[in-house]
N, C-alpha and C. Protein backbone atom coordinates (compact mmCIF):
# COMPACT_ATOMS: atom_id res chain seq x y z
N GLN A 1 13.17 -22.57 -4.42
CA GLN A 1 11.91 -21.86 -4.59
C GLN A 1 11.47 -21.16 -3.38
N SER A 2 12.20 -21.22 -2.36
CA SER A 2 11.98 -20.55 -1.03
C SER A 2 11.63 -19.08 -1.10
N ASP A 3 12.41 -18.33 -1.96
CA ASP A 3 12.44 -17.12 -2.29
C ASP A 3 11.28 -16.63 -2.98
N VAL A 4 10.49 -17.75 -3.87
CA VAL A 4 9.44 -17.50 -4.58
C VAL A 4 8.32 -17.63 -3.50
N TYR A 5 8.16 -18.35 -2.70
CA TYR A 5 7.23 -18.54 -1.55
C TYR A 5 7.42 -17.20 -0.69
N SER A 6 8.48 -16.89 -0.49
CA SER A 6 8.73 -15.49 0.41
C SER A 6 7.93 -14.28 -0.22
N LEU A 7 8.40 -14.03 -1.64
CA LEU A 7 7.90 -12.95 -2.40
C LEU A 7 6.43 -13.10 -2.32
N GLY A 8 5.70 -14.40 -2.46
CA GLY A 8 4.45 -14.47 -2.33
C GLY A 8 3.76 -14.20 -0.93
N VAL A 9 4.61 -14.41 0.03
CA VAL A 9 4.15 -13.65 1.51
C VAL A 9 4.04 -12.19 1.34
N VAL A 10 5.09 -11.67 0.72
CA VAL A 10 5.18 -10.18 0.54
C VAL A 10 3.99 -9.54 -0.24
N CYS A 11 3.88 -10.31 -1.29
CA CYS A 11 2.91 -9.81 -2.24
C CYS A 11 1.32 -9.96 -1.48
N TYR A 12 1.13 -11.13 -0.76
CA TYR A 12 -0.02 -11.19 0.18
C TYR A 12 -0.24 -10.07 1.22
N GLU A 13 0.87 -9.73 1.82
CA GLU A 13 0.65 -8.66 2.75
C GLU A 13 0.46 -7.35 2.37
N LEU A 14 1.16 -7.08 1.07
CA LEU A 14 0.85 -5.85 0.32
C LEU A 14 -0.58 -5.76 -0.21
N LEU A 15 -1.10 -6.78 -0.35
CA LEU A 15 -2.71 -7.10 -0.85
C LEU A 15 -3.60 -6.79 0.12
N THR A 16 -3.23 -7.57 1.35
CA THR A 16 -4.33 -7.69 2.24
C THR A 16 -4.01 -6.79 3.57
N GLY A 17 -2.70 -6.42 3.85
CA GLY A 17 -2.34 -5.74 5.04
C GLY A 17 -2.09 -6.55 6.22
N THR A 18 -2.06 -8.09 6.04
CA THR A 18 -1.87 -8.97 6.90
C THR A 18 -1.03 -9.96 6.39
N LEU A 19 -0.34 -10.94 7.31
CA LEU A 19 0.45 -12.10 6.73
C LEU A 19 -0.72 -13.34 6.68
N PRO A 20 -0.10 -14.15 5.87
CA PRO A 20 -1.24 -14.90 5.48
C PRO A 20 -1.39 -16.14 6.70
N PHE A 21 -0.52 -16.16 7.45
CA PHE A 21 -0.50 -16.93 8.77
C PHE A 21 -0.10 -16.25 10.00
N ILE A 22 -0.90 -16.43 10.90
CA ILE A 22 -0.65 -15.69 12.35
C ILE A 22 -0.63 -16.60 13.48
N GLY A 23 0.37 -16.44 14.28
CA GLY A 23 0.28 -17.22 15.48
C GLY A 23 2.12 -17.36 16.03
N SER A 24 2.15 -18.28 16.85
CA SER A 24 3.54 -18.73 17.53
C SER A 24 4.38 -19.18 16.08
N MET A 25 5.56 -19.18 16.34
CA MET A 25 6.32 -19.75 15.21
C MET A 25 5.97 -21.09 14.84
N ALA A 26 5.94 -22.03 15.87
CA ALA A 26 5.50 -23.29 15.41
C ALA A 26 3.89 -23.56 14.85
N ALA A 27 3.04 -22.67 15.33
CA ALA A 27 1.68 -22.68 14.63
C ALA A 27 2.04 -22.10 13.09
N VAL A 28 2.58 -21.11 12.82
CA VAL A 28 2.58 -20.54 11.67
C VAL A 28 3.34 -21.71 10.60
N LEU A 29 4.42 -22.35 11.31
CA LEU A 29 4.84 -23.27 10.43
C LEU A 29 4.08 -24.49 10.23
N ARG A 30 3.24 -24.91 11.03
CA ARG A 30 2.41 -25.81 10.82
C ARG A 30 1.35 -25.31 9.79
N LYS A 31 0.95 -24.31 9.99
CA LYS A 31 0.01 -24.06 8.95
C LYS A 31 0.51 -23.62 7.63
N ILE A 32 1.82 -23.29 7.45
CA ILE A 32 2.41 -23.34 6.15
C ILE A 32 2.23 -24.60 5.27
N LEU A 33 2.77 -25.86 6.34
CA LEU A 33 2.62 -27.16 5.78
C LEU A 33 1.36 -27.73 5.56
N THR A 34 0.47 -27.08 6.28
CA THR A 34 -1.01 -27.90 6.11
C THR A 34 -1.93 -27.18 5.49
N ASP A 35 -1.90 -25.68 5.65
CA ASP A 35 -3.10 -25.00 5.12
C ASP A 35 -2.82 -24.15 4.23
N ASP A 36 -3.86 -23.60 3.40
CA ASP A 36 -3.71 -22.77 2.15
C ASP A 36 -4.21 -21.48 2.77
N PRO A 37 -3.67 -20.45 2.60
CA PRO A 37 -3.95 -19.19 3.05
C PRO A 37 -5.32 -18.60 2.57
N VAL A 38 -5.73 -17.87 3.44
CA VAL A 38 -7.36 -17.28 2.86
C VAL A 38 -7.13 -16.62 1.67
N PRO A 39 -7.63 -16.83 0.61
CA PRO A 39 -7.51 -16.15 -0.55
C PRO A 39 -7.72 -14.58 -0.34
N PRO A 40 -6.90 -13.72 -0.83
CA PRO A 40 -6.80 -12.14 -0.57
C PRO A 40 -8.08 -11.57 -0.78
N ARG A 41 -8.99 -11.98 -1.87
CA ARG A 41 -10.25 -11.37 -2.27
C ARG A 41 -11.15 -11.76 -1.11
N GLU A 42 -10.99 -12.68 -0.39
CA GLU A 42 -12.01 -13.01 0.51
C GLU A 42 -11.97 -12.08 1.87
N LEU A 43 -10.77 -11.26 1.93
CA LEU A 43 -9.97 -10.44 2.95
C LEU A 43 -10.54 -8.80 2.54
N VAL A 44 -10.21 -8.66 1.24
CA VAL A 44 -10.40 -7.23 0.76
C VAL A 44 -10.89 -7.16 -0.78
N ASP A 45 -11.94 -6.31 -0.63
CA ASP A 45 -12.55 -6.10 -1.77
C ASP A 45 -11.75 -5.55 -2.93
N GLY A 46 -11.95 -5.68 -4.17
CA GLY A 46 -11.31 -4.89 -5.15
C GLY A 46 -9.86 -5.36 -5.78
N ILE A 47 -9.42 -6.57 -5.19
CA ILE A 47 -8.29 -7.15 -5.53
C ILE A 47 -8.44 -8.02 -6.85
N ASP A 48 -7.89 -7.56 -8.12
CA ASP A 48 -7.83 -8.19 -9.37
C ASP A 48 -7.65 -9.83 -9.11
N PRO A 49 -8.54 -10.53 -9.65
CA PRO A 49 -8.51 -11.82 -9.54
C PRO A 49 -7.33 -12.42 -10.01
N ASP A 50 -6.54 -11.94 -11.09
CA ASP A 50 -5.23 -12.47 -11.68
C ASP A 50 -4.27 -12.37 -11.09
N LEU A 51 -4.16 -11.08 -10.15
CA LEU A 51 -3.07 -10.88 -9.26
C LEU A 51 -3.28 -11.73 -7.96
N GLU A 52 -4.40 -12.04 -7.72
CA GLU A 52 -4.57 -13.10 -6.42
C GLU A 52 -4.01 -14.40 -6.87
N LYS A 53 -4.31 -14.91 -8.35
CA LYS A 53 -3.86 -16.15 -8.66
C LYS A 53 -2.10 -16.10 -8.59
N ILE A 54 -1.70 -15.11 -9.12
CA ILE A 54 -0.12 -14.82 -9.22
C ILE A 54 0.50 -15.11 -7.71
N CYS A 55 -0.10 -14.44 -6.75
CA CYS A 55 -0.03 -14.51 -5.36
C CYS A 55 -0.03 -15.87 -4.60
N LEU A 56 -1.12 -16.37 -5.01
CA LEU A 56 -1.46 -17.55 -4.38
C LEU A 56 -0.56 -18.68 -5.18
N LYS A 57 -0.28 -18.48 -6.29
CA LYS A 57 0.69 -19.43 -6.73
C LYS A 57 2.15 -19.31 -6.26
N MET A 58 2.46 -18.31 -6.09
CA MET A 58 3.93 -18.07 -5.55
C MET A 58 3.87 -18.77 -4.15
N MET A 59 2.70 -18.99 -3.31
CA MET A 59 2.55 -19.47 -2.07
C MET A 59 2.26 -20.81 -1.96
N ALA A 60 2.15 -21.39 -3.32
CA ALA A 60 1.48 -23.00 -3.24
C ALA A 60 2.44 -24.05 -2.48
N ARG A 61 1.76 -24.73 -1.45
CA ARG A 61 2.29 -25.63 -0.73
C ARG A 61 3.31 -26.72 -1.53
N ASP A 62 2.48 -27.17 -2.67
CA ASP A 62 3.35 -28.18 -3.49
C ASP A 62 4.17 -27.11 -4.41
N ARG A 63 5.43 -27.45 -4.25
CA ARG A 63 6.54 -26.82 -4.88
C ARG A 63 6.27 -26.94 -6.40
N SER A 64 5.84 -28.05 -6.75
CA SER A 64 5.78 -28.12 -8.29
C SER A 64 4.72 -27.50 -8.94
N GLU A 65 3.67 -26.64 -8.04
CA GLU A 65 2.57 -26.01 -8.35
C GLU A 65 2.99 -24.40 -8.70
N ARG A 66 4.32 -24.10 -7.55
CA ARG A 66 4.79 -22.78 -7.60
C ARG A 66 5.28 -22.40 -8.88
N TYR A 67 5.81 -20.99 -8.99
CA TYR A 67 6.34 -20.52 -9.99
C TYR A 67 8.11 -21.47 -9.88
N ALA A 68 8.40 -21.70 -11.00
CA ALA A 68 9.91 -22.38 -10.87
C ALA A 68 11.00 -21.66 -10.57
N ASN A 69 10.90 -20.24 -10.68
CA ASN A 69 12.04 -19.29 -10.17
C ASN A 69 11.41 -17.76 -10.34
N MET A 70 12.32 -17.09 -9.80
CA MET A 70 11.92 -15.54 -9.87
C MET A 70 11.77 -14.85 -11.22
N SER A 71 12.33 -15.40 -12.27
CA SER A 71 12.14 -15.14 -13.58
C SER A 71 10.81 -15.41 -14.06
N ALA A 72 10.23 -16.42 -13.49
CA ALA A 72 8.92 -16.71 -14.02
C ALA A 72 7.69 -15.93 -13.25
N VAL A 73 8.33 -15.65 -12.06
CA VAL A 73 7.19 -14.74 -11.28
C VAL A 73 7.43 -13.25 -11.99
N ALA A 74 8.33 -12.89 -12.43
CA ALA A 74 8.75 -11.57 -13.03
C ALA A 74 7.93 -11.45 -14.31
N GLN A 75 8.13 -12.76 -15.02
CA GLN A 75 7.35 -12.70 -16.34
C GLN A 75 5.49 -12.62 -16.11
N ALA A 76 5.19 -13.35 -15.15
CA ALA A 76 3.80 -13.32 -14.83
C ALA A 76 3.47 -11.92 -14.32
N LEU A 77 4.37 -11.22 -13.43
CA LEU A 77 3.97 -10.02 -13.20
C LEU A 77 3.86 -9.00 -14.36
N ALA A 78 4.84 -9.23 -15.05
CA ALA A 78 4.99 -8.16 -16.17
C ALA A 78 3.58 -8.27 -17.31
N GLU A 79 3.40 -9.64 -17.41
CA GLU A 79 2.24 -10.02 -18.45
C GLU A 79 0.97 -9.25 -17.72
N HIS A 80 0.95 -9.50 -16.37
CA HIS A 80 -0.11 -8.80 -15.55
C HIS A 80 -0.24 -7.35 -15.69
N LEU A 81 0.99 -6.61 -15.73
CA LEU A 81 0.98 -5.23 -15.72
C LEU A 81 0.97 -4.73 -17.36
N ASP A 82 1.18 -5.48 -18.15
CA ASP A 82 1.23 -5.20 -19.61
C ASP A 82 -0.27 -5.29 -20.14
N ARG A 83 -1.23 -5.81 -19.20
CA ARG A 83 -2.58 -5.93 -20.18
C ARG A 83 -3.23 -4.62 -20.23
N PRO A 84 -4.31 -4.71 -21.31
CA PRO A 84 -4.71 -3.33 -21.56
C PRO A 84 -5.71 -2.87 -20.35
N ASP A 85 -6.14 -3.48 -19.39
CA ASP A 85 -7.02 -3.12 -18.51
C ASP A 85 -6.66 -2.10 -17.79
N PRO A 86 -6.99 -0.89 -17.67
CA PRO A 86 -6.47 0.28 -16.89
C PRO A 86 -6.79 0.29 -15.43
N THR A 87 -7.64 -0.51 -15.15
CA THR A 87 -8.08 -0.72 -13.59
C THR A 87 -7.18 -2.02 -12.84
N ALA A 88 -6.38 -2.69 -13.77
CA ALA A 88 -5.55 -3.69 -13.34
C ALA A 88 -4.66 -3.55 -12.23
N PHE A 89 -4.13 -2.15 -12.28
CA PHE A 89 -2.98 -1.94 -11.56
C PHE A 89 -3.42 -1.18 -10.12
N ALA A 90 -5.01 -0.79 -10.05
CA ALA A 90 -5.40 -0.10 -9.03
C ALA A 90 -5.39 -0.48 -7.66
N VAL A 91 -5.33 -1.64 -7.57
CA VAL A 91 -5.18 -2.19 -6.08
C VAL A 91 -4.12 -2.17 -5.43
N TRP A 92 -2.61 -1.96 -6.34
CA TRP A 92 -1.48 -1.57 -5.74
C TRP A 92 -1.49 -0.03 -4.97
N ALA A 93 -1.88 0.82 -5.95
CA ALA A 93 -1.81 2.35 -5.76
C ALA A 93 -3.12 2.87 -4.96
N SER A 94 -4.00 2.06 -4.63
CA SER A 94 -5.06 2.68 -3.53
C SER A 94 -5.33 1.93 -2.29
N PRO A 95 -5.67 2.57 -1.23
CA PRO A 95 -5.81 1.91 -0.08
C PRO A 95 -6.91 0.58 -0.28
N ALA A 96 -6.73 -0.42 0.48
CA ALA A 96 -7.40 -1.58 0.46
C ALA A 96 -8.72 -1.34 1.22
N THR A 97 -9.64 -2.06 1.12
CA THR A 97 -10.96 -2.02 1.81
C THR A 97 -11.36 -3.30 2.53
N PRO A 98 -10.75 -3.47 3.77
CA PRO A 98 -11.03 -4.70 4.40
C PRO A 98 -12.40 -5.16 4.43
N ARG A 99 -12.73 -6.46 4.43
CA ARG A 99 -14.10 -6.61 4.53
C ARG A 99 -14.30 -6.86 6.29
N ALA A 100 -15.34 -6.63 6.80
CA ALA A 100 -15.65 -6.88 8.02
C ALA A 100 -16.21 -8.23 8.52
N THR A 101 -15.83 -8.70 9.62
CA THR A 101 -16.25 -9.91 10.01
C THR A 101 -17.83 -10.23 10.30
N SER A 102 -18.35 -11.20 10.29
CA SER A 102 -19.65 -11.26 10.72
C SER A 102 -19.95 -10.85 12.14
N ALA A 103 -18.91 -10.81 12.92
CA ALA A 103 -19.18 -10.64 14.25
C ALA A 103 -19.24 -8.94 14.42
N GLY A 104 -18.74 -8.11 13.41
CA GLY A 104 -18.92 -6.93 13.64
C GLY A 104 -18.16 -5.99 12.71
N ASP A 105 -17.69 -4.75 13.02
CA ASP A 105 -17.13 -4.01 11.96
C ASP A 105 -15.62 -4.28 12.07
N ALA A 106 -15.26 -4.85 13.00
CA ALA A 106 -13.56 -5.15 12.93
C ALA A 106 -12.95 -5.69 11.67
N PRO A 107 -11.89 -5.30 10.96
CA PRO A 107 -11.49 -5.94 9.89
C PRO A 107 -11.03 -7.49 10.34
N LEU A 108 -11.26 -8.27 9.06
CA LEU A 108 -10.76 -9.38 9.38
C LEU A 108 -9.41 -9.76 9.04
N MET A 109 -8.59 -9.11 9.85
CA MET A 109 -6.96 -9.34 10.04
C MET A 109 -6.47 -9.53 11.26
N GLY A 110 -5.37 -10.56 11.22
CA GLY A 110 -4.96 -10.86 12.75
C GLY A 110 -3.95 -9.88 13.13
N SER A 111 -3.42 -8.83 12.31
CA SER A 111 -2.37 -7.93 12.74
C SER A 111 -3.24 -6.68 13.41
N GLY A 112 -4.49 -6.41 13.16
CA GLY A 112 -4.81 -5.38 13.48
C GLY A 112 -4.66 -4.08 12.48
N ARG A 113 -3.69 -4.34 11.72
CA ARG A 113 -3.15 -3.31 10.83
C ARG A 113 -4.13 -3.04 9.37
N THR A 114 -4.16 -1.57 9.08
CA THR A 114 -4.91 -1.78 7.89
C THR A 114 -3.92 -1.47 6.68
N ARG A 115 -4.12 -1.61 5.29
CA ARG A 115 -3.24 -1.42 4.38
C ARG A 115 -3.29 0.12 3.88
N ARG A 116 -2.48 0.77 3.74
CA ARG A 116 -2.41 2.12 3.06
C ARG A 116 -1.78 2.15 1.90
N SER A 117 -1.80 3.41 1.25
CA SER A 117 -1.13 3.36 -0.13
C SER A 117 0.34 3.53 0.26
N ASP A 118 1.24 2.77 -0.31
CA ASP A 118 2.93 2.72 -0.18
C ASP A 118 3.60 3.35 -1.37
N PRO A 119 4.01 4.84 -1.22
CA PRO A 119 4.62 5.19 -2.22
C PRO A 119 5.95 4.55 -2.69
N SER A 120 6.58 3.90 -2.04
CA SER A 120 7.64 3.13 -2.43
C SER A 120 7.20 1.94 -3.07
N TRP A 121 6.06 1.21 -2.93
CA TRP A 121 5.62 0.18 -3.60
C TRP A 121 5.27 0.86 -5.24
N THR A 122 4.45 1.76 -5.06
CA THR A 122 4.17 2.49 -6.50
C THR A 122 5.11 2.90 -7.26
N TRP A 123 6.39 3.46 -6.60
CA TRP A 123 7.75 3.59 -7.26
C TRP A 123 8.29 2.33 -7.97
N LEU A 124 8.01 1.20 -7.29
CA LEU A 124 8.71 0.12 -7.43
C LEU A 124 8.09 -0.40 -8.93
N ALA A 125 6.60 -0.33 -8.53
CA ALA A 125 5.77 -0.94 -9.47
C ALA A 125 5.91 -0.27 -10.88
N GLY A 126 5.88 1.19 -10.93
CA GLY A 126 6.11 2.10 -11.88
C GLY A 126 7.57 1.64 -12.81
N LYS A 127 8.44 1.71 -11.89
CA LYS A 127 9.92 0.93 -12.36
C LYS A 127 9.98 -0.35 -13.11
N MET A 128 8.97 -1.05 -12.45
CA MET A 128 8.83 -2.41 -13.24
C MET A 128 8.38 -2.33 -14.54
N ARG A 129 7.15 -1.52 -14.58
CA ARG A 129 6.72 -1.24 -16.08
C ARG A 129 7.69 -0.55 -16.91
N ALA A 130 8.43 0.33 -16.49
CA ALA A 130 9.40 1.12 -17.19
C ALA A 130 10.38 -0.15 -17.74
N LEU A 131 11.07 -0.91 -16.90
CA LEU A 131 12.07 -1.86 -17.31
C LEU A 131 11.25 -2.96 -18.29
N ASN A 132 10.15 -3.35 -18.11
CA ASN A 132 9.69 -4.16 -19.10
C ASN A 132 9.43 -3.35 -20.64
N GLN A 133 9.20 -2.13 -20.56
CA GLN A 133 8.98 -1.45 -21.83
C GLN A 133 10.51 -1.55 -22.57
N GLU A 134 11.56 -1.42 -21.56
CA GLU A 134 13.00 -1.40 -22.02
C GLU A 134 13.39 -2.70 -22.71
N LYS A 135 12.88 -3.65 -21.86
CA LYS A 135 13.21 -5.01 -22.46
C LYS A 135 12.82 -5.25 -23.80
N LYS A 136 11.27 -4.65 -24.19
CA LYS A 136 10.66 -4.90 -25.28
C LYS A 136 11.60 -3.95 -26.60
N GLU A 137 12.22 -2.98 -25.94
CA GLU A 137 12.90 -1.83 -26.73
C GLU A 137 14.14 -2.67 -27.03
N ILE A 138 14.92 -3.36 -26.01
CA ILE A 138 15.94 -4.17 -26.29
C ILE A 138 15.73 -5.27 -27.41
N GLU A 139 14.63 -5.78 -27.15
CA GLU A 139 14.33 -7.23 -28.14
C GLU A 139 14.06 -6.33 -29.74
N GLN A 140 13.59 -5.17 -29.91
CA GLN A 140 13.27 -4.62 -31.17
C GLN A 140 14.84 -4.21 -31.60
N LEU A 141 15.72 -3.62 -30.98
CA LEU A 141 17.11 -3.28 -31.20
C LEU A 141 17.78 -4.42 -31.79
N ARG A 142 17.76 -5.61 -30.97
CA ARG A 142 18.09 -6.87 -31.55
C ARG A 142 17.79 -7.25 -32.67
N GLY A 143 16.44 -7.20 -32.92
CA GLY A 143 15.76 -7.75 -34.14
C GLY A 143 16.14 -6.70 -35.37
N ARG A 144 16.24 -5.60 -35.02
CA ARG A 144 16.75 -4.71 -36.12
C ARG A 144 18.23 -4.70 -36.50
N GLY A 145 19.16 -5.55 -35.58
CA GLY A 145 20.45 -5.91 -35.86
C GLY A 145 21.41 -4.85 -35.18
N ASP A 146 20.63 -4.03 -34.13
CA ASP A 146 21.35 -2.96 -33.58
C ASP A 146 22.17 -3.40 -32.37
N ALA A 147 22.97 -4.28 -32.30
CA ALA A 147 23.56 -5.14 -31.21
C ALA A 147 24.28 -3.79 -30.07
N ALA A 148 24.68 -2.80 -30.74
CA ALA A 148 25.55 -1.91 -29.95
C ALA A 148 24.42 -1.14 -29.08
N GLY A 149 23.23 -0.93 -29.51
CA GLY A 149 22.24 -0.12 -28.79
C GLY A 149 21.63 -0.99 -27.94
N ALA A 150 21.43 -2.29 -27.99
CA ALA A 150 20.81 -3.35 -27.37
C ALA A 150 21.93 -3.35 -26.08
N ARG A 151 23.07 -3.54 -26.48
CA ARG A 151 24.10 -3.85 -25.36
C ARG A 151 24.09 -2.62 -24.33
N GLN A 152 23.99 -1.33 -25.03
CA GLN A 152 24.13 -0.29 -23.82
C GLN A 152 23.00 -0.19 -23.01
N LEU A 153 21.65 -0.63 -23.47
CA LEU A 153 20.61 -0.86 -22.42
C LEU A 153 20.78 -1.65 -21.91
N LEU A 154 20.98 -3.06 -22.34
CA LEU A 154 21.48 -4.16 -21.20
C LEU A 154 22.42 -4.00 -20.12
N GLU A 155 23.63 -3.29 -20.50
CA GLU A 155 24.74 -2.87 -19.50
C GLU A 155 23.92 -2.05 -18.56
N ALA A 156 23.13 -1.12 -18.79
CA ALA A 156 22.52 -0.35 -17.85
C ALA A 156 21.53 -1.13 -16.86
N MET A 157 20.75 -1.96 -17.51
CA MET A 157 19.98 -2.69 -16.82
C MET A 157 20.72 -3.61 -15.73
N ALA A 158 21.71 -4.38 -16.46
CA ALA A 158 22.31 -5.40 -15.70
C ALA A 158 23.08 -4.67 -14.27
N ALA A 159 23.17 -3.50 -14.56
CA ALA A 159 23.85 -2.87 -13.24
C ALA A 159 22.65 -2.24 -12.07
N ILE A 160 21.46 -2.55 -12.21
CA ILE A 160 20.70 -2.30 -11.40
C ILE A 160 20.94 -3.06 -10.27
N ASP A 161 20.80 -2.34 -8.88
CA ASP A 161 21.24 -2.85 -7.60
C ASP A 161 19.99 -2.61 -6.59
N HIS A 162 18.81 -2.91 -6.94
CA HIS A 162 17.53 -2.67 -6.02
C HIS A 162 16.94 -4.29 -5.95
N PRO A 163 16.72 -4.46 -4.67
CA PRO A 163 16.10 -5.85 -4.39
C PRO A 163 15.01 -6.15 -4.87
N GLY A 164 14.12 -5.31 -5.21
CA GLY A 164 12.98 -5.55 -5.95
C GLY A 164 13.01 -5.60 -7.49
N LEU A 165 14.22 -5.27 -7.75
CA LEU A 165 14.35 -5.48 -9.42
C LEU A 165 15.60 -6.12 -9.92
N THR A 166 15.82 -7.17 -9.10
CA THR A 166 17.23 -7.95 -9.41
C THR A 166 16.72 -9.15 -10.73
N MET A 167 15.40 -9.25 -10.79
CA MET A 167 15.16 -9.99 -11.73
C MET A 167 15.62 -9.67 -13.26
N PHE A 168 15.24 -8.25 -13.27
CA PHE A 168 15.47 -7.38 -14.59
C PHE A 168 17.14 -7.60 -14.84
N ALA A 169 17.98 -7.21 -13.69
CA ALA A 169 19.27 -7.28 -13.54
C ALA A 169 19.83 -8.72 -14.25
N ASP A 170 19.17 -9.56 -13.61
CA ASP A 170 19.66 -11.12 -13.89
C ASP A 170 19.30 -11.29 -15.34
N TRP A 171 18.11 -10.89 -15.89
CA TRP A 171 17.85 -11.19 -17.45
C TRP A 171 18.88 -10.35 -18.01
N ALA A 172 19.14 -9.03 -17.86
CA ALA A 172 20.02 -8.06 -18.63
C ALA A 172 21.49 -9.05 -18.70
N GLN A 173 21.95 -9.37 -17.64
CA GLN A 173 23.37 -10.13 -17.27
C GLN A 173 23.39 -11.28 -18.44
N ALA A 174 22.09 -12.10 -18.17
CA ALA A 174 22.01 -13.58 -19.24
C ALA A 174 22.16 -12.87 -20.74
N GLU A 175 21.25 -11.96 -20.83
CA GLU A 175 21.38 -11.43 -22.32
C GLU A 175 22.70 -11.01 -22.79
N LEU A 176 23.31 -10.26 -21.96
CA LEU A 176 24.64 -9.71 -22.40
C LEU A 176 25.60 -11.02 -22.64
N ARG A 177 25.61 -12.06 -21.84
CA ARG A 177 26.29 -13.12 -21.93
C ARG A 177 25.97 -13.86 -23.54
N LYS A 178 24.84 -13.76 -23.93
CA LYS A 178 24.26 -14.21 -25.31
C LYS A 178 25.08 -13.31 -26.23
N LEU A 179 25.43 -12.11 -26.08
CA LEU A 179 25.81 -11.42 -27.15
C LEU A 179 27.33 -11.44 -27.21
N GLN A 180 28.02 -12.09 -26.23
CA GLN A 180 29.32 -12.03 -26.29
C GLN A 180 29.93 -13.30 -27.22
């Protein structure tokens, strides 16, 4: 489950523009074991509460409270992306607005960096949406008894070789084994 936690850290940084814990290696490791990260919505206005829940669940200190595996994370993200709210995806595609500290106008971020729109993440999120649609299409083809059509799409999906999309390749490979 360390990969789930690590993805949670990446998600946290994408949402907030900062790492969940900052300090020396020893200090960060201690914080990981003893502290919960500051919820992203306390650092940045406009973050979707459901997306924050997904992120924080990936980083839960108690392993039993985390997603069991990357497939479960992919499913949660897919469900989040598939929901009808058109603003649900806006936080990923637009710059975040860090909240100011009570001491002044400086953003409440340890790294001093601000998050900006990231075209590569926008591409990845769009690809995830398209692949989730493709998964639905594969299920429809299988439901209609079109194993050849489903196999063709599954083979293409199984060949995906992008680190952010491996959960789709893994799913497709598992489904191909079921067809054999």
